[in-house]
Amino acid sequence: MFASFDTGFSFLRILGILIFAFVIGMFVFIIVKMIRDKRKNDASPRLTVDAFVVSKHTSTSSSSQPVAGDPTGAHGFHHMTTTAYFVTFEVQSGDRMAFEVDEAEYAMLAEGDTGRLSFQGTRYLGFEREA
């Protein structure tokens, strides 16, 4: 009887350690990826090419957090919504590139706009429309 209790307790302890290690591993993976992407962009040349706006789209995500840290939600929930803005450009070679832009830049661009696209790796630097 005690042996099965010890085995179950050991299993739960091991499962808890594995879940903790997985969560920490995911954080480390994300941080390493962000650092690697930043270094790659920093090492890339700044380019300015003729391009036109092919499309625009947004990605919205939302989450809820319990108020006062009460997981039952007895004090209500704080809801947060985040929107990311993306613009796809086509360059003279026919290649298409999508960049995340800020809300103001997104509002200023329209599909079909032509001009000069500036970027560095996967980092959007700007778009100067032709008059």
N, C-alpha and C. Protein backbone atom coordinates (compact mmCIF):
# COMPACT_ATOMS: atom_id res chain seq x y z
N MET A 1 0.82 -1.18 0.00
CA MET A 1 0.00 0.00 0.00
C MET A 1 0.87 1.25 0.00
N PHE A 2 1.92 1.27 0.84
CA PHE A 2 2.78 2.44 0.89
C PHE A 2 3.62 2.56 -0.38
N ALA A 3 3.95 1.43 -0.99
CA ALA A 3 4.79 1.46 -2.19
C ALA A 3 4.05 2.17 -3.32
N SER A 4 2.73 1.92 -3.49
CA SER A 4 1.99 2.57 -4.57
C SER A 4 1.85 4.06 -4.31
N PHE A 5 1.71 4.43 -3.03
CA PHE A 5 1.62 5.86 -2.69
C PHE A 5 2.93 6.55 -3.04
N ASP A 6 4.06 5.92 -2.70
CA ASP A 6 5.36 6.50 -3.01
C ASP A 6 5.55 6.61 -4.51
N THR A 7 5.13 5.60 -5.25
CA THR A 7 5.26 5.63 -6.70
C THR A 7 4.42 6.76 -7.29
N GLY A 8 3.19 6.90 -6.82
CA GLY A 8 2.33 7.98 -7.32
C GLY A 8 2.89 9.34 -6.97
N PHE A 9 3.40 9.48 -5.75
CA PHE A 9 3.99 10.74 -5.33
C PHE A 9 5.21 11.05 -6.18
N SER A 10 6.03 10.05 -6.46
CA SER A 10 7.22 10.24 -7.29
C SER A 10 6.81 10.62 -8.71
N PHE A 11 5.77 9.98 -9.22
CA PHE A 11 5.29 10.30 -10.56
C PHE A 11 4.83 11.74 -10.64
N LEU A 12 4.07 12.19 -9.64
CA LEU A 12 3.60 13.58 -9.65
C LEU A 12 4.76 14.56 -9.53
N ARG A 13 5.73 14.23 -8.72
CA ARG A 13 6.90 15.09 -8.57
C ARG A 13 7.65 15.19 -9.89
N ILE A 14 7.86 14.05 -10.54
CA ILE A 14 8.57 14.03 -11.83
C ILE A 14 7.76 14.80 -12.88
N LEU A 15 6.45 14.60 -12.90
CA LEU A 15 5.59 15.32 -13.86
C LEU A 15 5.68 16.83 -13.63
N GLY A 16 5.65 17.24 -12.37
CA GLY A 16 5.78 18.67 -12.05
C GLY A 16 7.11 19.23 -12.50
N ILE A 17 8.18 18.50 -12.30
CA ILE A 17 9.51 18.94 -12.72
C ILE A 17 9.57 19.04 -14.24
N LEU A 18 8.99 18.06 -14.93
CA LEU A 18 8.99 18.09 -16.40
C LEU A 18 8.20 19.29 -16.94
N ILE A 19 7.05 19.57 -16.36
CA ILE A 19 6.25 20.71 -16.80
C ILE A 19 7.01 22.01 -16.54
N PHE A 20 7.62 22.14 -15.36
CA PHE A 20 8.41 23.33 -15.03
C PHE A 20 9.56 23.49 -16.02
N ALA A 21 10.27 22.40 -16.31
CA ALA A 21 11.40 22.45 -17.25
C ALA A 21 10.92 22.83 -18.65
N PHE A 22 9.77 22.34 -19.06
CA PHE A 22 9.21 22.67 -20.37
C PHE A 22 8.91 24.16 -20.47
N VAL A 23 8.27 24.72 -19.45
CA VAL A 23 7.93 26.14 -19.45
C VAL A 23 9.19 26.99 -19.48
N ILE A 24 10.16 26.66 -18.65
CA ILE A 24 11.43 27.40 -18.64
C ILE A 24 12.13 27.25 -20.00
N GLY A 25 12.11 26.07 -20.56
CA GLY A 25 12.71 25.83 -21.87
C GLY A 25 12.06 26.68 -22.96
N MET A 26 10.75 26.82 -22.89
CA MET A 26 10.05 27.66 -23.89
C MET A 26 10.48 29.12 -23.75
N PHE A 27 10.58 29.62 -22.52
CA PHE A 27 11.04 31.00 -22.32
C PHE A 27 12.45 31.19 -22.88
N VAL A 28 13.33 30.26 -22.60
CA VAL A 28 14.71 30.35 -23.09
C VAL A 28 14.71 30.31 -24.62
N PHE A 29 13.94 29.42 -25.22
CA PHE A 29 13.86 29.30 -26.68
C PHE A 29 13.40 30.62 -27.29
N ILE A 30 12.35 31.22 -26.74
CA ILE A 30 11.82 32.48 -27.28
C ILE A 30 12.84 33.60 -27.16
N ILE A 31 13.50 33.70 -26.02
CA ILE A 31 14.50 34.75 -25.82
C ILE A 31 15.67 34.57 -26.79
N VAL A 32 16.16 33.33 -26.94
CA VAL A 32 17.27 33.06 -27.86
C VAL A 32 16.86 33.40 -29.29
N LYS A 33 15.64 33.05 -29.67
CA LYS A 33 15.16 33.35 -31.03
C LYS A 33 15.08 34.85 -31.26
N MET A 34 14.60 35.60 -30.28
CA MET A 34 14.52 37.05 -30.42
C MET A 34 15.91 37.67 -30.57
N ILE A 35 16.86 37.21 -29.77
CA ILE A 35 18.23 37.73 -29.85
C ILE A 35 18.84 37.38 -31.20
N ARG A 36 18.64 36.15 -31.65
CA ARG A 36 19.18 35.72 -32.94
C ARG A 36 18.60 36.53 -34.09
N ASP A 37 17.27 36.77 -34.07
CA ASP A 37 16.63 37.56 -35.13
C ASP A 37 17.14 39.00 -35.12
N LYS A 38 17.32 39.58 -33.93
CA LYS A 38 17.81 40.96 -33.83
C LYS A 38 19.23 41.05 -34.39
N ARG A 39 20.09 40.12 -34.02
CA ARG A 39 21.47 40.13 -34.54
C ARG A 39 21.49 39.95 -36.05
N LYS A 40 20.65 39.06 -36.56
CA LYS A 40 20.60 38.83 -38.01
C LYS A 40 20.15 40.10 -38.73
N ASN A 41 19.13 40.77 -38.21
CA ASN A 41 18.66 42.02 -38.81
C ASN A 41 19.73 43.10 -38.73
N ASP A 42 20.39 43.22 -37.58
CA ASP A 42 21.45 44.22 -37.42
C ASP A 42 22.59 43.99 -38.40
N ALA A 43 22.89 42.74 -38.73
CA ALA A 43 23.98 42.41 -39.65
C ALA A 43 23.57 42.54 -41.12
N SER A 44 22.28 42.61 -41.39
CA SER A 44 21.79 42.72 -42.77
C SER A 44 21.97 44.14 -43.29
N PRO A 45 22.18 44.27 -44.61
CA PRO A 45 22.30 45.62 -45.17
C PRO A 45 20.95 46.32 -45.19
N ARG A 46 20.98 47.65 -45.09
CA ARG A 46 19.76 48.44 -45.25
C ARG A 46 19.52 48.59 -46.74
N LEU A 47 18.35 48.18 -47.19
CA LEU A 47 18.02 48.24 -48.61
C LEU A 47 16.83 49.15 -48.85
N THR A 48 16.85 49.83 -49.98
CA THR A 48 15.71 50.63 -50.42
C THR A 48 15.44 50.22 -51.86
N VAL A 49 14.23 49.74 -52.11
CA VAL A 49 13.87 49.22 -53.43
C VAL A 49 12.50 49.76 -53.85
N ASP A 50 12.26 49.77 -55.17
CA ASP A 50 10.94 50.13 -55.67
C ASP A 50 9.97 49.01 -55.32
N ALA A 51 8.79 49.38 -54.86
CA ALA A 51 7.80 48.37 -54.45
C ALA A 51 6.41 48.98 -54.49
N PHE A 52 5.42 48.11 -54.39
CA PHE A 52 4.05 48.59 -54.23
C PHE A 52 3.34 47.75 -53.18
N VAL A 53 2.31 48.35 -52.58
CA VAL A 53 1.56 47.69 -51.51
C VAL A 53 0.59 46.71 -52.14
N VAL A 54 0.74 45.44 -51.81
CA VAL A 54 -0.13 44.39 -52.34
C VAL A 54 -1.36 44.23 -51.45
N SER A 55 -1.14 44.14 -50.14
CA SER A 55 -2.27 43.92 -49.22
C SER A 55 -1.92 44.39 -47.82
N LYS A 56 -2.95 44.53 -47.04
CA LYS A 56 -2.83 44.89 -45.62
C LYS A 56 -3.71 43.94 -44.83
N HIS A 57 -3.25 43.57 -43.65
CA HIS A 57 -4.10 42.76 -42.77
C HIS A 57 -3.69 42.98 -41.31
N THR A 58 -4.58 42.59 -40.43
CA THR A 58 -4.32 42.71 -39.00
C THR A 58 -4.43 41.34 -38.34
N SER A 59 -3.83 41.24 -37.18
CA SER A 59 -3.94 40.04 -36.36
C SER A 59 -4.28 40.50 -34.95
N THR A 60 -5.42 40.06 -34.46
CA THR A 60 -5.89 40.49 -33.14
C THR A 60 -5.88 39.31 -32.18
N SER A 61 -5.35 39.57 -30.99
CA SER A 61 -5.40 38.54 -29.94
C SER A 61 -5.92 39.19 -28.67
N SER A 62 -6.60 38.39 -27.87
CA SER A 62 -7.14 38.91 -26.63
C SER A 62 -6.87 37.91 -25.50
N SER A 63 -6.82 38.46 -24.29
CA SER A 63 -6.62 37.62 -23.12
C SER A 63 -7.36 38.22 -21.95
N SER A 64 -7.61 37.39 -20.96
CA SER A 64 -8.30 37.83 -19.75
C SER A 64 -7.45 37.45 -18.54
N GLN A 65 -7.31 38.38 -17.62
CA GLN A 65 -6.58 38.15 -16.38
C GLN A 65 -7.54 38.39 -15.22
N PRO A 66 -7.57 37.51 -14.24
CA PRO A 66 -8.45 37.75 -13.09
C PRO A 66 -7.98 38.97 -12.29
N VAL A 67 -8.93 39.79 -11.87
CA VAL A 67 -8.62 40.97 -11.07
C VAL A 67 -8.19 40.51 -9.67
N ALA A 68 -7.22 41.18 -9.10
CA ALA A 68 -6.71 40.92 -7.75
C ALA A 68 -6.09 39.52 -7.63
N GLY A 69 -5.73 38.92 -8.76
CA GLY A 69 -5.07 37.62 -8.71
C GLY A 69 -5.96 36.48 -8.27
N ASP A 70 -7.27 36.70 -8.24
CA ASP A 70 -8.22 35.68 -7.79
C ASP A 70 -8.58 34.79 -8.98
N PRO A 71 -8.07 33.56 -9.03
CA PRO A 71 -8.31 32.70 -10.19
C PRO A 71 -9.78 32.32 -10.38
N THR A 72 -10.61 32.49 -9.36
CA THR A 72 -12.03 32.15 -9.51
C THR A 72 -12.78 33.22 -10.29
N GLY A 73 -12.19 34.40 -10.41
CA GLY A 73 -12.85 35.48 -11.12
C GLY A 73 -13.93 36.17 -10.31
N ALA A 74 -13.92 35.95 -9.01
CA ALA A 74 -14.95 36.55 -8.15
C ALA A 74 -14.90 38.08 -8.19
N HIS A 75 -13.73 38.64 -8.46
CA HIS A 75 -13.59 40.10 -8.53
C HIS A 75 -13.66 40.60 -9.97
N GLY A 76 -13.95 39.71 -10.90
CA GLY A 76 -14.04 40.09 -12.31
C GLY A 76 -12.74 39.80 -13.04
N PHE A 77 -12.72 40.17 -14.30
CA PHE A 77 -11.56 39.93 -15.14
C PHE A 77 -11.16 41.22 -15.84
N HIS A 78 -9.88 41.35 -16.10
CA HIS A 78 -9.34 42.45 -16.89
C HIS A 78 -9.08 41.89 -18.28
N HIS A 79 -9.74 42.44 -19.28
CA HIS A 79 -9.61 41.96 -20.65
C HIS A 79 -8.65 42.85 -21.43
N MET A 80 -7.73 42.22 -22.16
CA MET A 80 -6.76 42.96 -22.97
C MET A 80 -6.85 42.46 -24.41
N THR A 81 -6.82 43.40 -25.35
CA THR A 81 -6.81 43.06 -26.76
C THR A 81 -5.61 43.73 -27.40
N THR A 82 -4.87 42.97 -28.19
CA THR A 82 -3.69 43.48 -28.88
C THR A 82 -3.88 43.27 -30.38
N THR A 83 -3.57 44.30 -31.15
CA THR A 83 -3.67 44.21 -32.60
C THR A 83 -2.31 44.44 -33.22
N ALA A 84 -1.90 43.55 -34.12
CA ALA A 84 -0.66 43.72 -34.88
C ALA A 84 -1.06 44.05 -36.32
N TYR A 85 -0.32 44.97 -36.93
CA TYR A 85 -0.63 45.45 -38.27
C TYR A 85 0.45 45.00 -39.24
N PHE A 86 0.02 44.43 -40.38
CA PHE A 86 0.95 43.90 -41.37
C PHE A 86 0.64 44.47 -42.75
N VAL A 87 1.71 44.73 -43.52
CA VAL A 87 1.58 45.20 -44.89
C VAL A 87 2.46 44.31 -45.76
N THR A 88 1.91 43.86 -46.90
CA THR A 88 2.67 43.05 -47.84
C THR A 88 3.03 43.91 -49.04
N PHE A 89 4.32 43.90 -49.37
CA PHE A 89 4.84 44.66 -50.49
C PHE A 89 5.32 43.71 -51.57
N GLU A 90 5.25 44.14 -52.82
CA GLU A 90 5.83 43.38 -53.93
C GLU A 90 6.90 44.26 -54.56
N VAL A 91 8.09 43.68 -54.75
CA VAL A 91 9.21 44.41 -55.36
C VAL A 91 9.29 44.07 -56.84
N GLN A 92 10.19 44.75 -57.58
CA GLN A 92 10.27 44.60 -59.03
C GLN A 92 10.53 43.16 -59.47
N SER A 93 11.24 42.39 -58.69
CA SER A 93 11.55 41.00 -59.05
C SER A 93 10.33 40.09 -58.94
N GLY A 94 9.24 40.60 -58.33
CA GLY A 94 8.04 39.80 -58.13
C GLY A 94 7.96 39.17 -56.75
N ASP A 95 9.04 39.29 -55.97
CA ASP A 95 9.04 38.76 -54.61
C ASP A 95 8.12 39.60 -53.73
N ARG A 96 7.47 38.93 -52.78
CA ARG A 96 6.60 39.61 -51.84
C ARG A 96 7.18 39.49 -50.44
N MET A 97 7.05 40.59 -49.70
CA MET A 97 7.56 40.63 -48.34
C MET A 97 6.50 41.26 -47.44
N ALA A 98 6.24 40.62 -46.31
CA ALA A 98 5.28 41.15 -45.34
C ALA A 98 6.05 41.68 -44.14
N PHE A 99 5.68 42.87 -43.69
CA PHE A 99 6.32 43.48 -42.55
C PHE A 99 5.27 43.91 -41.54
N GLU A 100 5.63 43.81 -40.27
CA GLU A 100 4.77 44.37 -39.23
C GLU A 100 5.08 45.85 -39.14
N VAL A 101 4.03 46.68 -39.14
CA VAL A 101 4.18 48.13 -39.06
C VAL A 101 3.36 48.66 -37.90
N ASP A 102 3.61 49.92 -37.52
CA ASP A 102 2.80 50.49 -36.44
C ASP A 102 1.45 50.96 -36.99
N GLU A 103 0.54 51.25 -36.10
CA GLU A 103 -0.83 51.59 -36.49
C GLU A 103 -0.89 52.82 -37.38
N ALA A 104 -0.09 53.84 -37.09
CA ALA A 104 -0.11 55.07 -37.89
C ALA A 104 0.36 54.80 -39.32
N GLU A 105 1.41 54.01 -39.47
CA GLU A 105 1.93 53.67 -40.80
C GLU A 105 0.89 52.84 -41.56
N TYR A 106 0.26 51.91 -40.87
CA TYR A 106 -0.78 51.06 -41.47
C TYR A 106 -1.92 51.92 -42.02
N ALA A 107 -2.32 52.94 -41.25
CA ALA A 107 -3.43 53.80 -41.66
C ALA A 107 -3.06 54.65 -42.87
N MET A 108 -1.79 55.00 -43.01
CA MET A 108 -1.36 55.87 -44.11
C MET A 108 -1.19 55.12 -45.44
N LEU A 109 -1.00 53.82 -45.38
CA LEU A 109 -0.76 53.04 -46.59
C LEU A 109 -2.07 52.49 -47.15
N ALA A 110 -2.14 52.45 -48.48
CA ALA A 110 -3.31 51.88 -49.15
C ALA A 110 -2.84 50.85 -50.17
N GLU A 111 -3.65 49.84 -50.38
CA GLU A 111 -3.31 48.83 -51.39
C GLU A 111 -3.18 49.53 -52.74
N GLY A 112 -2.10 49.19 -53.47
CA GLY A 112 -1.83 49.81 -54.76
C GLY A 112 -0.85 50.96 -54.69
N ASP A 113 -0.54 51.46 -53.49
CA ASP A 113 0.45 52.54 -53.36
C ASP A 113 1.79 52.07 -53.92
N THR A 114 2.47 52.93 -54.66
CA THR A 114 3.81 52.62 -55.17
C THR A 114 4.80 53.58 -54.56
N GLY A 115 6.04 53.13 -54.45
CA GLY A 115 7.07 53.99 -53.87
C GLY A 115 8.33 53.23 -53.59
N ARG A 116 9.08 53.72 -52.59
CA ARG A 116 10.37 53.14 -52.22
C ARG A 116 10.27 52.52 -50.83
N LEU A 117 10.50 51.21 -50.77
CA LEU A 117 10.45 50.45 -49.52
C LEU A 117 11.86 50.35 -48.94
N SER A 118 12.00 50.69 -47.67
CA SER A 118 13.28 50.54 -46.98
C SER A 118 13.13 49.48 -45.89
N PHE A 119 14.10 48.57 -45.84
CA PHE A 119 14.05 47.50 -44.84
C PHE A 119 15.46 47.01 -44.55
N GLN A 120 15.59 46.31 -43.44
CA GLN A 120 16.86 45.72 -43.03
C GLN A 120 16.56 44.32 -42.52
N GLY A 121 16.85 43.32 -43.31
CA GLY A 121 16.49 41.94 -42.95
C GLY A 121 14.98 41.82 -42.93
N THR A 122 14.43 41.47 -41.78
CA THR A 122 12.98 41.37 -41.65
C THR A 122 12.41 42.59 -40.94
N ARG A 123 13.24 43.62 -40.75
CA ARG A 123 12.83 44.84 -40.04
C ARG A 123 12.38 45.90 -41.05
N TYR A 124 11.15 46.36 -40.89
CA TYR A 124 10.59 47.42 -41.73
C TYR A 124 11.17 48.76 -41.29
N LEU A 125 11.68 49.56 -42.25
CA LEU A 125 12.23 50.86 -41.93
C LEU A 125 11.35 52.01 -42.43
N GLY A 126 10.59 51.76 -43.51
CA GLY A 126 9.71 52.82 -43.99
C GLY A 126 9.31 52.62 -45.44
N PHE A 127 8.35 53.43 -45.86
CA PHE A 127 7.88 53.40 -47.25
C PHE A 127 7.59 54.83 -47.66
N GLU A 128 8.28 55.27 -48.71
CA GLU A 128 8.08 56.62 -49.23
C GLU A 128 7.26 56.52 -50.51
N ARG A 129 6.02 57.00 -50.43
CA ARG A 129 5.10 56.93 -51.57
C ARG A 129 5.54 57.88 -52.68
N GLU A 130 5.27 57.44 -53.92
CA GLU A 130 5.48 58.33 -55.07
C GLU A 130 4.30 59.26 -55.17
N ALA A 131 4.58 60.48 -55.60
CA ALA A 131 3.50 61.47 -55.73
C ALA A 131 2.67 61.21 -56.97
